[in-house]
Amino acid sequence: MSYELYKVIHLVGLSLVVLSLGGILLYTLNGGVKASNSFRKGAMITHGVGLLLLLVAGFGMLARLGIHSFPGWIVGKLVIWAFLGACVGLAYKKQLAKKLWVAVPVLVGVAAVLAIYK
C-alpha cells in the first residue's frame, strides 16, 4: 500500500477513536452511567477498531518511510496511543470525564506535532 493510503487509514482510525471517546464522555457528563449505556458495545467496538487502524497504519507508514527503530517521537505517539486506549475505561468516571474532555484533543494535537515535526 502507498504511504498516502496508510495516512488515510490512520486518520480514519483517529476519527473513530475520538468519536467513540467523545460520545462516551458526553454521555457521562450528562449523567449517564456505564451500566445503562445502550450503545456501550458499539462505542467499544468503534474505539477498538479505531485503535487497531491507528496502530497498523502507523507502522505501515513507518515501513514506507524506511524507519525501523523507535526514535523519541514514535515512542511519544505510542504512549499517547496507549493512553487513548485506556481512556475508554476512564471515561465513565464523571470527575475524570471533564478532564478527558480537554485532554483528548490536546493529546491528539501533541501526537500531530510529534508526527509533523519528527
PDB file of N, CA and C in Angstrom:
ATOM      1  N   MET A   1       0.836  -1.186   0.000  1.00  0.00           N
ATOM      2  CA  MET A   1       0.000   0.000   0.000  1.00  0.00           C
ATOM      3  C   MET A   1       0.877   1.244   0.000  1.00  0.00           C
ATOM      4  N   SER A   2       0.329   2.321  -0.493  1.00  0.00           N
ATOM      5  CA  SER A   2       1.083   3.564  -0.566  1.00  0.00           C
ATOM      6  C   SER A   2       1.071   4.277   0.784  1.00  0.00           C
ATOM      7  N   TYR A   3       2.031   5.175   0.940  1.00  0.00           N
ATOM      8  CA  TYR A   3       2.112   5.986   2.152  1.00  0.00           C
ATOM      9  C   TYR A   3       0.833   6.788   2.338  1.00  0.00           C
ATOM     10  N   GLU A   4       0.308   7.321   1.254  1.00  0.00           N
ATOM     11  CA  GLU A   4      -0.899   8.144   1.329  1.00  0.00           C
ATOM     12  C   GLU A   4      -2.107   7.341   1.818  1.00  0.00           C
ATOM     13  N   LEU A   5      -2.224   6.094   1.341  1.00  0.00           N
ATOM     14  CA  LEU A   5      -3.332   5.248   1.788  1.00  0.00           C
ATOM     15  C   LEU A   5      -3.194   4.930   3.276  1.00  0.00           C
ATOM     16  N   TYR A   6      -1.971   4.638   3.719  1.00  0.00           N
ATOM     17  CA  TYR A   6      -1.750   4.427   5.156  1.00  0.00           C
ATOM     18  C   TYR A   6      -2.146   5.663   5.963  1.00  0.00           C
ATOM     19  N   LYS A   7      -1.853   6.824   5.428  1.00  0.00           N
ATOM     20  CA  LYS A   7      -2.183   8.072   6.123  1.00  0.00           C
ATOM     21  C   LYS A   7      -3.701   8.236   6.248  1.00  0.00           C
ATOM     22  N   VAL A   8      -4.433   7.922   5.178  1.00  0.00           N
ATOM     23  CA  VAL A   8      -5.896   7.997   5.216  1.00  0.00           C
ATOM     24  C   VAL A   8      -6.447   7.015   6.242  1.00  0.00           C
ATOM     25  N   ILE A   9      -5.935   5.792   6.238  1.00  0.00           N
ATOM     26  CA  ILE A   9      -6.391   4.789   7.213  1.00  0.00           C
ATOM     27  C   ILE A   9      -6.079   5.251   8.624  1.00  0.00           C
ATOM     28  N   HIS A  10      -4.921   5.846   8.821  1.00  0.00           N
ATOM     29  CA  HIS A  10      -4.517   6.363  10.132  1.00  0.00           C
ATOM     30  C   HIS A  10      -5.502   7.439  10.602  1.00  0.00           C
ATOM     31  N   LEU A  11      -5.867   8.335   9.702  1.00  0.00           N
ATOM     32  CA  LEU A  11      -6.798   9.409  10.063  1.00  0.00           C
ATOM     33  C   LEU A  11      -8.211   8.875  10.314  1.00  0.00           C
ATOM     34  N   VAL A  12      -8.625   7.874   9.583  1.00  0.00           N
ATOM     35  CA  VAL A  12      -9.930   7.253   9.846  1.00  0.00           C
ATOM     36  C   VAL A  12      -9.916   6.602  11.228  1.00  0.00           C
ATOM     37  N   GLY A  13      -8.826   5.902  11.556  1.00  0.00           N
ATOM     38  CA  GLY A  13      -8.693   5.310  12.888  1.00  0.00           C
ATOM     39  C   GLY A  13      -8.753   6.357  13.977  1.00  0.00           C
ATOM     40  N   LEU A  14      -8.068   7.468  13.764  1.00  0.00           N
ATOM     41  CA  LEU A  14      -8.094   8.555  14.744  1.00  0.00           C
ATOM     42  C   LEU A  14      -9.505   9.099  14.921  1.00  0.00           C
ATOM     43  N   SER A  15     -10.219   9.272  13.819  1.00  0.00           N
ATOM     44  CA  SER A  15     -11.579   9.805  13.927  1.00  0.00           C
ATOM     45  C   SER A  15     -12.492   8.833  14.674  1.00  0.00           C
ATOM     46  N   LEU A  16     -12.305   7.529  14.486  1.00  0.00           N
ATOM     47  CA  LEU A  16     -13.117   6.549  15.217  1.00  0.00           C
ATOM     48  C   LEU A  16     -12.829   6.584  16.712  1.00  0.00           C
ATOM     49  N   VAL A  17     -11.558   6.710  17.074  1.00  0.00           N
ATOM     50  CA  VAL A  17     -11.199   6.769  18.494  1.00  0.00           C
ATOM     51  C   VAL A  17     -11.783   8.021  19.136  1.00  0.00           C
ATOM     52  N   VAL A  18     -11.623   9.164  18.480  1.00  0.00           N
ATOM     53  CA  VAL A  18     -12.126  10.426  19.044  1.00  0.00           C
ATOM     54  C   VAL A  18     -13.659  10.425  19.079  1.00  0.00           C
ATOM     55  N   LEU A  19     -14.284   9.875  18.038  1.00  0.00           N
ATOM     56  CA  LEU A  19     -15.747   9.784  18.009  1.00  0.00           C
ATOM     57  C   LEU A  19     -16.266   8.966  19.186  1.00  0.00           C
ATOM     58  N   SER A  20     -15.689   7.798  19.402  1.00  0.00           N
ATOM     59  CA  SER A  20     -16.170   6.936  20.491  1.00  0.00           C
ATOM     60  C   SER A  20     -15.902   7.557  21.852  1.00  0.00           C
ATOM     61  N   LEU A  21     -14.719   8.112  22.049  1.00  0.00           N
ATOM     62  CA  LEU A  21     -14.420   8.750  23.336  1.00  0.00           C
ATOM     63  C   LEU A  21     -15.311   9.964  23.569  1.00  0.00           C
ATOM     64  N   GLY A  22     -15.513  10.756  22.530  1.00  0.00           N
ATOM     65  CA  GLY A  22     -16.380  11.928  22.670  1.00  0.00           C
ATOM     66  C   GLY A  22     -17.801  11.540  23.039  1.00  0.00           C
ATOM     67  N   GLY A  23     -18.305  10.482  22.408  1.00  0.00           N
ATOM     68  CA  GLY A  23     -19.661  10.024  22.724  1.00  0.00           C
ATOM     69  C   GLY A  23     -19.793   9.539  24.153  1.00  0.00           C
ATOM     70  N   ILE A  24     -18.824   8.745  24.585  1.00  0.00           N
ATOM     71  CA  ILE A  24     -18.868   8.227  25.955  1.00  0.00           C
ATOM     72  C   ILE A  24     -18.706   9.360  26.965  1.00  0.00           C
ATOM     73  N   LEU A  25     -17.789  10.281  26.685  1.00  0.00           N
ATOM     74  CA  LEU A  25     -17.578  11.405  27.601  1.00  0.00           C
ATOM     75  C   LEU A  25     -18.822  12.274  27.703  1.00  0.00           C
ATOM     76  N   LEU A  26     -19.443  12.564  26.582  1.00  0.00           N
ATOM     77  CA  LEU A  26     -20.659  13.373  26.599  1.00  0.00           C
ATOM     78  C   LEU A  26     -21.777  12.659  27.351  1.00  0.00           C
ATOM     79  N   TYR A  27     -21.903  11.363  27.131  1.00  0.00           N
ATOM     80  CA  TYR A  27     -22.902  10.559  27.838  1.00  0.00           C
ATOM     81  C   TYR A  27     -22.670  10.642  29.349  1.00  0.00           C
ATOM     82  N   THR A  28     -21.424  10.482  29.762  1.00  0.00           N
ATOM     83  CA  THR A  28     -21.081  10.526  31.190  1.00  0.00           C
ATOM     84  C   THR A  28     -21.313  11.920  31.770  1.00  0.00           C
ATOM     85  N   LEU A  29     -20.895  12.947  31.050  1.00  0.00           N
ATOM     86  CA  LEU A  29     -21.062  14.319  31.544  1.00  0.00           C
ATOM     87  C   LEU A  29     -22.530  14.712  31.675  1.00  0.00           C
ATOM     88  N   ASN A  30     -23.397  14.050  30.927  1.00  0.00           N
ATOM     89  CA  ASN A  30     -24.835  14.312  31.025  1.00  0.00           C
ATOM     90  C   ASN A  30     -25.522  13.402  32.033  1.00  0.00           C
ATOM     91  N   GLY A  31     -24.746  12.716  32.865  1.00  0.00           N
ATOM     92  CA  GLY A  31     -25.309  11.928  33.951  1.00  0.00           C
ATOM     93  C   GLY A  31     -25.478  10.451  33.666  1.00  0.00           C
ATOM     94  N   GLY A  32     -25.058   9.986  32.509  1.00  0.00           N
ATOM     95  CA  GLY A  32     -25.184   8.564  32.180  1.00  0.00           C
ATOM     96  C   GLY A  32     -24.177   7.719  32.937  1.00  0.00           C
ATOM     97  N   VAL A  33     -24.542   6.469  33.160  1.00  0.00           N
ATOM     98  CA  VAL A  33     -23.642   5.525  33.822  1.00  0.00           C
ATOM     99  C   VAL A  33     -23.390   4.347  32.884  1.00  0.00           C
ATOM    100  N   LYS A  34     -22.269   3.696  33.112  1.00  0.00           N
ATOM    101  CA  LYS A  34     -21.815   2.619  32.249  1.00  0.00           C
ATOM    102  C   LYS A  34     -22.885   1.547  32.047  1.00  0.00           C
ATOM    103  N   ALA A  35     -23.538   1.142  33.116  1.00  0.00           N
ATOM    104  CA  ALA A  35     -24.496   0.036  33.050  1.00  0.00           C
ATOM    105  C   ALA A  35     -25.717   0.346  32.189  1.00  0.00           C
ATOM    106  N   SER A  36     -26.081   1.623  32.085  1.00  0.00           N
ATOM    107  CA  SER A  36     -27.293   1.965  31.337  1.00  0.00           C
ATOM    108  C   SER A  36     -27.011   2.499  29.932  1.00  0.00           C
ATOM    109  N   ASN A  37     -25.764   2.451  29.491  1.00  0.00           N
ATOM    110  CA  ASN A  37     -25.431   2.929  28.153  1.00  0.00           C
ATOM    111  C   ASN A  37     -25.831   1.863  27.139  1.00  0.00           C
ATOM    112  N   SER A  38     -26.898   2.125  26.402  1.00  0.00           N
ATOM    113  CA  SER A  38     -27.410   1.138  25.459  1.00  0.00           C
ATOM    114  C   SER A  38     -26.498   0.957  24.241  1.00  0.00           C
ATOM    115  N   PHE A  39     -25.609   1.903  23.990  1.00  0.00           N
ATOM    116  CA  PHE A  39     -24.692   1.794  22.857  1.00  0.00           C
ATOM    117  C   PHE A  39     -23.261   1.523  23.310  1.00  0.00           C
ATOM    118  N   ARG A  40     -23.105   1.019  24.524  1.00  0.00           N
ATOM    119  CA  ARG A  40     -21.776   0.770  25.077  1.00  0.00           C
ATOM    120  C   ARG A  40     -20.968  -0.168  24.191  1.00  0.00           C
ATOM    121  N   LYS A  41     -21.585  -1.267  23.764  1.00  0.00           N
ATOM    122  CA  LYS A  41     -20.877  -2.244  22.935  1.00  0.00           C
ATOM    123  C   LYS A  41     -20.438  -1.619  21.607  1.00  0.00           C
ATOM    124  N   GLY A  42     -21.320  -0.848  20.996  1.00  0.00           N
ATOM    125  CA  GLY A  42     -20.975  -0.180  19.740  1.00  0.00           C
ATOM    126  C   GLY A  42     -19.836   0.808  19.902  1.00  0.00           C
ATOM    127  N   ALA A  43     -19.865   1.554  20.994  1.00  0.00           N
ATOM    128  CA  ALA A  43     -18.794   2.518  21.251  1.00  0.00           C
ATOM    129  C   ALA A  43     -17.463   1.807  21.496  1.00  0.00           C
ATOM    130  N   MET A  44     -17.513   0.691  22.209  1.00  0.00           N
ATOM    131  CA  MET A  44     -16.285  -0.060  22.478  1.00  0.00           C
ATOM    132  C   MET A  44     -15.712  -0.667  21.187  1.00  0.00           C
ATOM    133  N   ILE A  45     -16.584  -1.174  20.328  1.00  0.00           N
ATOM    134  CA  ILE A  45     -16.128  -1.728  19.050  1.00  0.00           C
ATOM    135  C   ILE A  45     -15.509  -0.627  18.191  1.00  0.00           C
ATOM    136  N   THR A  46     -16.177   0.516  18.129  1.00  0.00           N
ATOM    137  CA  THR A  46     -15.659   1.648  17.365  1.00  0.00           C
ATOM    138  C   THR A  46     -14.297   2.074  17.889  1.00  0.00           C
ATOM    139  N   HIS A  47     -14.169   2.122  19.191  1.00  0.00           N
ATOM    140  CA  HIS A  47     -12.903   2.506  19.821  1.00  0.00           C
ATOM    141  C   HIS A  47     -11.805   1.492  19.492  1.00  0.00           C
ATOM    142  N   GLY A  48     -12.108   0.223  19.625  1.00  0.00           N
ATOM    143  CA  GLY A  48     -11.116  -0.815  19.354  1.00  0.00           C
ATOM    144  C   GLY A  48     -10.686  -0.865  17.901  1.00  0.00           C
ATOM    145  N   VAL A  49     -11.640  -0.752  16.991  1.00  0.00           N
ATOM    146  CA  VAL A  49     -11.305  -0.747  15.562  1.00  0.00           C
ATOM    147  C   VAL A  49     -10.449   0.479  15.239  1.00  0.00           C
ATOM    148  N   GLY A  50     -10.803   1.618  15.818  1.00  0.00           N
ATOM    149  CA  GLY A  50     -10.018   2.829  15.603  1.00  0.00           C
ATOM    150  C   GLY A  50      -8.585   2.679  16.086  1.00  0.00           C
ATOM    151  N   LEU A  51      -8.414   2.105  17.268  1.00  0.00           N
ATOM    152  CA  LEU A  51      -7.062   1.887  17.794  1.00  0.00           C
ATOM    153  C   LEU A  51      -6.266   0.936  16.905  1.00  0.00           C
ATOM    154  N   LEU A  52      -6.929  -0.116  16.428  1.00  0.00           N
ATOM    155  CA  LEU A  52      -6.253  -1.076  15.551  1.00  0.00           C
ATOM    156  C   LEU A  52      -5.825  -0.412  14.243  1.00  0.00           C
ATOM    157  N   LEU A  53      -6.717   0.385  13.645  1.00  0.00           N
ATOM    158  CA  LEU A  53      -6.368   1.081  12.407  1.00  0.00           C
ATOM    159  C   LEU A  53      -5.224   2.060  12.623  1.00  0.00           C
ATOM    160  N   LEU A  54      -5.250   2.779  13.747  1.00  0.00           N
ATOM    161  CA  LEU A  54      -4.154   3.700  14.069  1.00  0.00           C
ATOM    162  C   LEU A  54      -2.817   2.965  14.136  1.00  0.00           C
ATOM    163  N   LEU A  55      -2.804   1.851  14.831  1.00  0.00           N
ATOM    164  CA  LEU A  55      -1.562   1.105  15.032  1.00  0.00           C
ATOM    165  C   LEU A  55      -1.042   0.507  13.731  1.00  0.00           C
ATOM    166  N   VAL A  56      -1.909  -0.181  13.000  1.00  0.00           N
ATOM    167  CA  VAL A  56      -1.482  -0.849  11.763  1.00  0.00           C
ATOM    168  C   VAL A  56      -1.037   0.182  10.723  1.00  0.00           C
ATOM    169  N   ALA A  57      -1.834   1.227  10.535  1.00  0.00           N
ATOM    170  CA  ALA A  57      -1.473   2.242   9.550  1.00  0.00           C
ATOM    171  C   ALA A  57      -0.227   3.014   9.974  1.00  0.00           C
ATOM    172  N   GLY A  58      -0.093   3.265  11.272  1.00  0.00           N
ATOM    173  CA  GLY A  58       1.102   3.952  11.753  1.00  0.00           C
ATOM    174  C   GLY A  58       2.369   3.172  11.458  1.00  0.00           C
ATOM    175  N   PHE A  59       2.338   1.877  11.729  1.00  0.00           N
ATOM    176  CA  PHE A  59       3.515   1.057  11.434  1.00  0.00           C
ATOM    177  C   PHE A  59       3.710   0.888   9.932  1.00  0.00           C
ATOM    178  N   GLY A  60       2.611   0.885   9.167  1.00  0.00           N
ATOM    179  CA  GLY A  60       2.730   0.844   7.712  1.00  0.00           C
ATOM    180  C   GLY A  60       3.430   2.081   7.178  1.00  0.00           C
ATOM    181  N   MET A  61       3.073   3.245   7.723  1.00  0.00           N
ATOM    182  CA  MET A  61       3.735   4.480   7.301  1.00  0.00           C
ATOM    183  C   MET A  61       5.218   4.468   7.673  1.00  0.00           C
ATOM    184  N   LEU A  62       5.517   3.939   8.860  1.00  0.00           N
ATOM    185  CA  LEU A  62       6.928   3.851   9.265  1.00  0.00           C
ATOM    186  C   LEU A  62       7.711   2.968   8.301  1.00  0.00           C
ATOM    187  N   ALA A  63       7.114   1.853   7.880  1.00  0.00           N
ATOM    188  CA  ALA A  63       7.788   0.963   6.932  1.00  0.00           C
ATOM    189  C   ALA A  63       8.011   1.683   5.600  1.00  0.00           C
ATOM    190  N   ARG A  64       7.016   2.432   5.143  1.00  0.00           N
ATOM    191  CA  ARG A  64       7.144   3.182   3.883  1.00  0.00           C
ATOM    192  C   ARG A  64       8.217   4.259   3.984  1.00  0.00           C
ATOM    193  N   LEU A  65       8.393   4.830   5.176  1.00  0.00           N
ATOM    194  CA  LEU A  65       9.423   5.846   5.380  1.00  0.00           C
ATOM    195  C   LEU A  65      10.803   5.232   5.605  1.00  0.00           C
ATOM    196  N   GLY A  66      10.852   3.912   5.767  1.00  0.00           N
ATOM    197  CA  GLY A  66      12.126   3.234   5.999  1.00  0.00           C
ATOM    198  C   GLY A  66      12.644   3.385   7.416  1.00  0.00           C
ATOM    199  N   ILE A  67      11.756   3.641   8.358  1.00  0.00           N
ATOM    200  CA  ILE A  67      12.153   3.791   9.764  1.00  0.00           C
ATOM    201  C   ILE A  67      11.965   2.440  10.451  1.00  0.00           C
ATOM    202  N   HIS A  68      13.054   1.873  10.938  1.00  0.00           N
ATOM    203  CA  HIS A  68      12.996   0.550  11.563  1.00  0.00           C
ATOM    204  C   HIS A  68      13.428   0.575  13.023  1.00  0.00           C
ATOM    205  N   SER A  69      13.553   1.764  13.592  1.00  0.00           N
ATOM    206  CA  SER A  69      13.898   1.899  15.006  1.00  0.00           C
ATOM    207  C   SER A  69      12.791   2.699  15.683  1.00  0.00           C
ATOM    208  N   PHE A  70      12.970   3.002  16.936  1.00  0.00           N
ATOM    209  CA  PHE A  70      11.964   3.739  17.691  1.00  0.00           C
ATOM    210  C   PHE A  70      12.537   5.046  18.240  1.00  0.00           C
ATOM    211  N   PRO A  71      12.640   6.072  17.381  1.00  0.00           N
ATOM    212  CA  PRO A  71      13.076   7.368  17.914  1.00  0.00           C
ATOM    213  C   PRO A  71      12.035   7.917  18.884  1.00  0.00           C
ATOM    214  N   GLY A  72      12.399   8.960  19.593  1.00  0.00           N
ATOM    215  CA  GLY A  72      11.545   9.515  20.642  1.00  0.00           C
ATOM    216  C   GLY A  72      10.147   9.894  20.194  1.00  0.00           C
ATOM    217  N   TRP A  73       9.998  10.435  18.998  1.00  0.00           N
ATOM    218  CA  TRP A  73       8.672  10.854  18.542  1.00  0.00           C
ATOM    219  C   TRP A  73       7.743   9.664  18.367  1.00  0.00           C
ATOM    220  N   ILE A  74       8.292   8.520  17.968  1.00  0.00           N
ATOM    221  CA  ILE A  74       7.459   7.313  17.821  1.00  0.00           C
ATOM    222  C   ILE A  74       7.061   6.793  19.199  1.00  0.00           C
ATOM    223  N   VAL A  75       7.997   6.789  20.125  1.00  0.00           N
ATOM    224  CA  VAL A  75       7.685   6.364  21.490  1.00  0.00           C
ATOM    225  C   VAL A  75       6.603   7.260  22.079  1.00  0.00           C
ATOM    226  N   GLY A  76       6.710   8.570  21.862  1.00  0.00           N
ATOM    227  CA  GLY A  76       5.702   9.511  22.347  1.00  0.00           C
ATOM    228  C   GLY A  76       4.331   9.213  21.769  1.00  0.00           C
ATOM    229  N   LYS A  77       4.272   8.926  20.479  1.00  0.00           N
ATOM    230  CA  LYS A  77       2.983   8.611  19.854  1.00  0.00           C
ATOM    231  C   LYS A  77       2.423   7.288  20.381  1.00  0.00           C
ATOM    232  N   LEU A  78       3.281   6.310  20.633  1.00  0.00           N
ATOM    233  CA  LEU A  78       2.813   5.042  21.197  1.00  0.00           C
ATOM    234  C   LEU A  78       2.275   5.218  22.618  1.00  0.00           C
ATOM    235  N   VAL A  79       2.904   6.084  23.401  1.00  0.00           N
ATOM    236  CA  VAL A  79       2.412   6.371  24.752  1.00  0.00           C
ATOM    237  C   VAL A  79       1.040   7.052  24.670  1.00  0.00           C
ATOM    238  N   ILE A  80       0.895   8.000  23.756  1.00  0.00           N
ATOM    239  CA  ILE A  80      -0.399   8.656  23.572  1.00  0.00           C
ATOM    240  C   ILE A  80      -1.439   7.636  23.118  1.00  0.00           C
ATOM    241  N   TRP A  81      -1.082   6.753  22.189  1.00  0.00           N
ATOM    242  CA  TRP A  81      -1.986   5.701  21.709  1.00  0.00           C
ATOM    243  C   TRP A  81      -2.455   4.821  22.878  1.00  0.00           C
ATOM    244  N   ALA A  82      -1.519   4.425  23.735  1.00  0.00           N
ATOM    245  CA  ALA A  82      -1.872   3.577  24.886  1.00  0.00           C
ATOM    246  C   ALA A  82      -2.793   4.338  25.849  1.00  0.00           C
ATOM    247  N   PHE A  83      -2.521   5.614  26.062  1.00  0.00           N
ATOM    248  CA  PHE A  83      -3.380   6.404  26.955  1.00  0.00           C
ATOM    249  C   PHE A  83      -4.781   6.553  26.374  1.00  0.00           C
ATOM    250  N   LEU A  84      -4.875   6.818  25.072  1.00  0.00           N
ATOM    251  CA  LEU A  84      -6.194   6.916  24.435  1.00  0.00           C
ATOM    252  C   LEU A  84      -6.939   5.587  24.528  1.00  0.00           C
ATOM    253  N   GLY A  85      -6.208   4.480  24.493  1.00  0.00           N
ATOM    254  CA  GLY A  85      -6.827   3.172  24.683  1.00  0.00           C
ATOM    255  C   GLY A  85      -7.382   3.007  26.084  1.00  0.00           C
ATOM    256  N   ALA A  86      -6.668   3.510  27.069  1.00  0.00           N
ATOM    257  CA  ALA A  86      -7.117   3.409  28.460  1.00  0.00           C
ATOM    258  C   ALA A  86      -8.245   4.376  28.778  1.00  0.00           C
ATOM    259  N   CYS A  87      -8.339   5.441  28.002  1.00  0.00           N
ATOM    260  CA  CYS A  87      -9.357   6.470  28.267  1.00  0.00           C
ATOM    261  C   CYS A  87     -10.771   5.921  28.210  1.00  0.00           C
ATOM    262  N   VAL A  88     -11.003   4.893  27.420  1.00  0.00           N
ATOM    263  CA  VAL A  88     -12.355   4.362  27.287  1.00  0.00           C
ATOM    264  C   VAL A  88     -12.844   3.806  28.627  1.00  0.00           C
ATOM    265  N   GLY A  89     -11.958   3.301  29.439  1.00  0.00           N
ATOM    266  CA  GLY A  89     -12.331   2.820  30.771  1.00  0.00           C
ATOM    267  C   GLY A  89     -12.475   3.947  31.778  1.00  0.00           C
ATOM    268  N   LEU A  90     -11.722   5.007  31.576  1.00  0.00           N
ATOM    269  CA  LEU A  90     -11.765   6.151  32.494  1.00  0.00           C
ATOM    270  C   LEU A  90     -12.919   7.097  32.189  1.00  0.00           C
ATOM    271  N   ALA A  91     -13.461   7.020  30.981  1.00  0.00           N
ATOM    272  CA  ALA A  91     -14.460   7.987  30.529  1.00  0.00           C
ATOM    273  C   ALA A  91     -15.771   7.913  31.301  1.00  0.00           C
ATOM    274  N   TYR A  92     -16.049   6.805  31.958  1.00  0.00           N
ATOM    275  CA  TYR A  92     -17.301   6.675  32.707  1.00  0.00           C
ATOM    276  C   TYR A  92     -17.209   7.240  34.123  1.00  0.00           C
ATOM    277  N   LYS A  93     -16.049   7.729  34.523  1.00  0.00           N
ATOM    278  CA  LYS A  93     -15.891   8.358  35.837  1.00  0.00           C
ATOM    279  C   LYS A  93     -16.091   9.861  35.661  1.00  0.00           C
ATOM    280  N   LYS A  94     -17.149  10.375  36.262  1.00  0.00           N
ATOM    281  CA  LYS A  94     -17.571  11.757  35.990  1.00  0.00           C
ATOM    282  C   LYS A  94     -16.479  12.787  36.270  1.00  0.00           C
ATOM    283  N   GLN A  95     -15.728  12.607  37.367  1.00  0.00           N
ATOM    284  CA  GLN A  95     -14.680  13.583  37.682  1.00  0.00           C
ATOM    285  C   GLN A  95     -13.591  13.578  36.610  1.00  0.00           C
ATOM    286  N   LEU A  96     -13.287  12.405  36.083  1.00  0.00           N
ATOM    287  CA  LEU A  96     -12.261  12.326  35.047  1.00  0.00           C
ATOM    288  C   LEU A  96     -12.795  12.733  33.686  1.00  0.00           C
ATOM    289  N   ALA A  97     -14.079  12.563  33.453  1.00  0.00           N
ATOM    290  CA  ALA A  97     -14.661  12.864  32.142  1.00  0.00           C
ATOM    291  C   ALA A  97     -14.441  14.327  31.764  1.00  0.00           C
ATOM    292  N   LYS A  98     -14.582  15.231  32.716  1.00  0.00           N
ATOM    293  CA  LYS A  98     -14.365  16.657  32.427  1.00  0.00           C
ATOM    294  C   LYS A  98     -12.919  16.920  32.022  1.00  0.00           C
ATOM    295  N   LYS A  99     -11.998  16.266  32.693  1.00  0.00           N
ATOM    296  CA  LYS A  99     -10.580  16.439  32.379  1.00  0.00           C
ATOM    297  C   LYS A  99     -10.242  15.808  31.032  1.00  0.00           C
ATOM    298  N   LEU A 100     -10.822  14.645  30.769  1.00  0.00           N
ATOM    299  CA  LEU A 100     -10.560  13.969  29.498  1.00  0.00           C
ATOM    300  C   LEU A 100     -11.142  14.739  28.322  1.00  0.00           C
ATOM    301  N   TRP A 101     -12.243  15.471  28.556  1.00  0.00           N
ATOM    302  CA  TRP A 101     -12.856  16.276  27.507  1.00  0.00           C
ATOM    303  C   TRP A 101     -11.838  17.280  26.955  1.00  0.00           C
ATOM    304  N   VAL A 102     -10.940  17.745  27.801  1.00  0.00           N
ATOM    305  CA  VAL A 102      -9.890  18.665  27.386  1.00  0.00           C
ATOM    306  C   VAL A 102      -8.632  17.902  26.969  1.00  0.00           C
ATOM    307  N   ALA A 103      -8.297  16.850  27.705  1.00  0.00           N
ATOM    308  CA  ALA A 103      -7.044  16.129  27.482  1.00  0.00           C
ATOM    309  C   ALA A 103      -6.999  15.404  26.141  1.00  0.00           C
ATOM    310  N   VAL A 104      -8.108  14.820  25.718  1.00  0.00           N
ATOM    311  CA  VAL A 104      -8.095  14.041  24.478  1.00  0.00           C
ATOM    312  C   VAL A 104      -7.705  14.909  23.272  1.00  0.00           C
ATOM    313  N   PRO A 105      -8.361  16.058  23.036  1.00  0.00           N
ATOM    314  CA  PRO A 105      -7.919  16.860  21.888  1.00  0.00           C
ATOM    315  C   PRO A 105      -6.504  17.406  22.030  1.00  0.00           C
ATOM    316  N   VAL A 106      -6.092  17.691  23.254  1.00  0.00           N
ATOM    317  CA  VAL A 106      -4.714  18.154  23.460  1.00  0.00           C
ATOM    318  C   VAL A 106      -3.734  17.053  23.076  1.00  0.00           C
ATOM    319  N   LEU A 107      -4.013  15.832  23.499  1.00  0.00           N
ATOM    320  CA  LEU A 107      -3.131  14.707  23.157  1.00  0.00           C
ATOM    321  C   LEU A 107      -3.108  14.434  21.659  1.00  0.00           C
ATOM    322  N   VAL A 108      -4.246  14.568  21.010  1.00  0.00           N
ATOM    323  CA  VAL A 108      -4.285  14.402  19.553  1.00  0.00           C
ATOM    324  C   VAL A 108      -3.405  15.474  18.895  1.00  0.00           C
ATOM    325  N   GLY A 109      -3.480  16.696  19.405  1.00  0.00           N
ATOM    326  CA  GLY A 109      -2.631  17.765  18.888  1.00  0.00           C
ATOM    327  C   GLY A 109      -1.152  17.490  19.113  1.00  0.00           C
ATOM    328  N   VAL A 110      -0.810  16.988  20.290  1.00  0.00           N
ATOM    329  CA  VAL A 110       0.591  16.648  20.588  1.00  0.00           C
ATOM    330  C   VAL A 110       1.070  15.540  19.650  1.00  0.00           C
ATOM    331  N   ALA A 111       0.224  14.538  19.421  1.00  0.00           N
ATOM    332  CA  ALA A 111       0.590  13.451  18.508  1.00  0.00           C
ATOM    333  C   ALA A 111       0.808  13.991  17.095  1.00  0.00           C
ATOM    334  N   ALA A 112      -0.011  14.947  16.673  1.00  0.00           N
ATOM    335  CA  ALA A 112       0.152  15.549  15.346  1.00  0.00           C
ATOM    336  C   ALA A 112       1.474  16.306  15.261  1.00  0.00           C
ATOM    337  N   VAL A 113       1.784  17.062  16.303  1.00  0.00           N
ATOM    338  CA  VAL A 113       3.040  17.808  16.325  1.00  0.00           C
ATOM    339  C   VAL A 113       4.227  16.846  16.267  1.00  0.00           C
ATOM    340  N   LEU A 114       4.163  15.761  17.020  1.00  0.00           N
ATOM    341  CA  LEU A 114       5.245  14.774  17.003  1.00  0.00           C
ATOM    342  C   LEU A 114       5.438  14.188  15.607  1.00  0.00           C
ATOM    343  N   ALA A 115       4.340  13.900  14.927  1.00  0.00           N
ATOM    344  CA  ALA A 115       4.432  13.306  13.598  1.00  0.00           C
ATOM    345  C   ALA A 115       4.924  14.312  12.556  1.00  0.00           C
ATOM    346  N   ILE A 116       4.448  15.540  12.642  1.00  0.00           N
ATOM    347  CA  ILE A 116       4.793  16.530  11.633  1.00  0.00           C
ATOM    348  C   ILE A 116       6.244  17.005  11.772  1.00  0.00           C
ATOM    349  N   TYR A 117       6.660  17.248  13.013  1.00  0.00           N
ATOM    350  CA  TYR A 117       7.986  17.810  13.235  1.00  0.00           C
ATOM    351  C   TYR A 117       9.051  16.759  13.569  1.00  0.00           C
ATOM    352  N   LYS A 118       8.644  15.525  13.745  1.00  0.00           N
ATOM    353  CA  LYS A 118       9.555  14.390  14.000  1.00  0.00           C
ATOM    354  C   LYS A 118      10.748  14.803  14.841  1.00  0.00           C
TER     355      LYS A 118
END
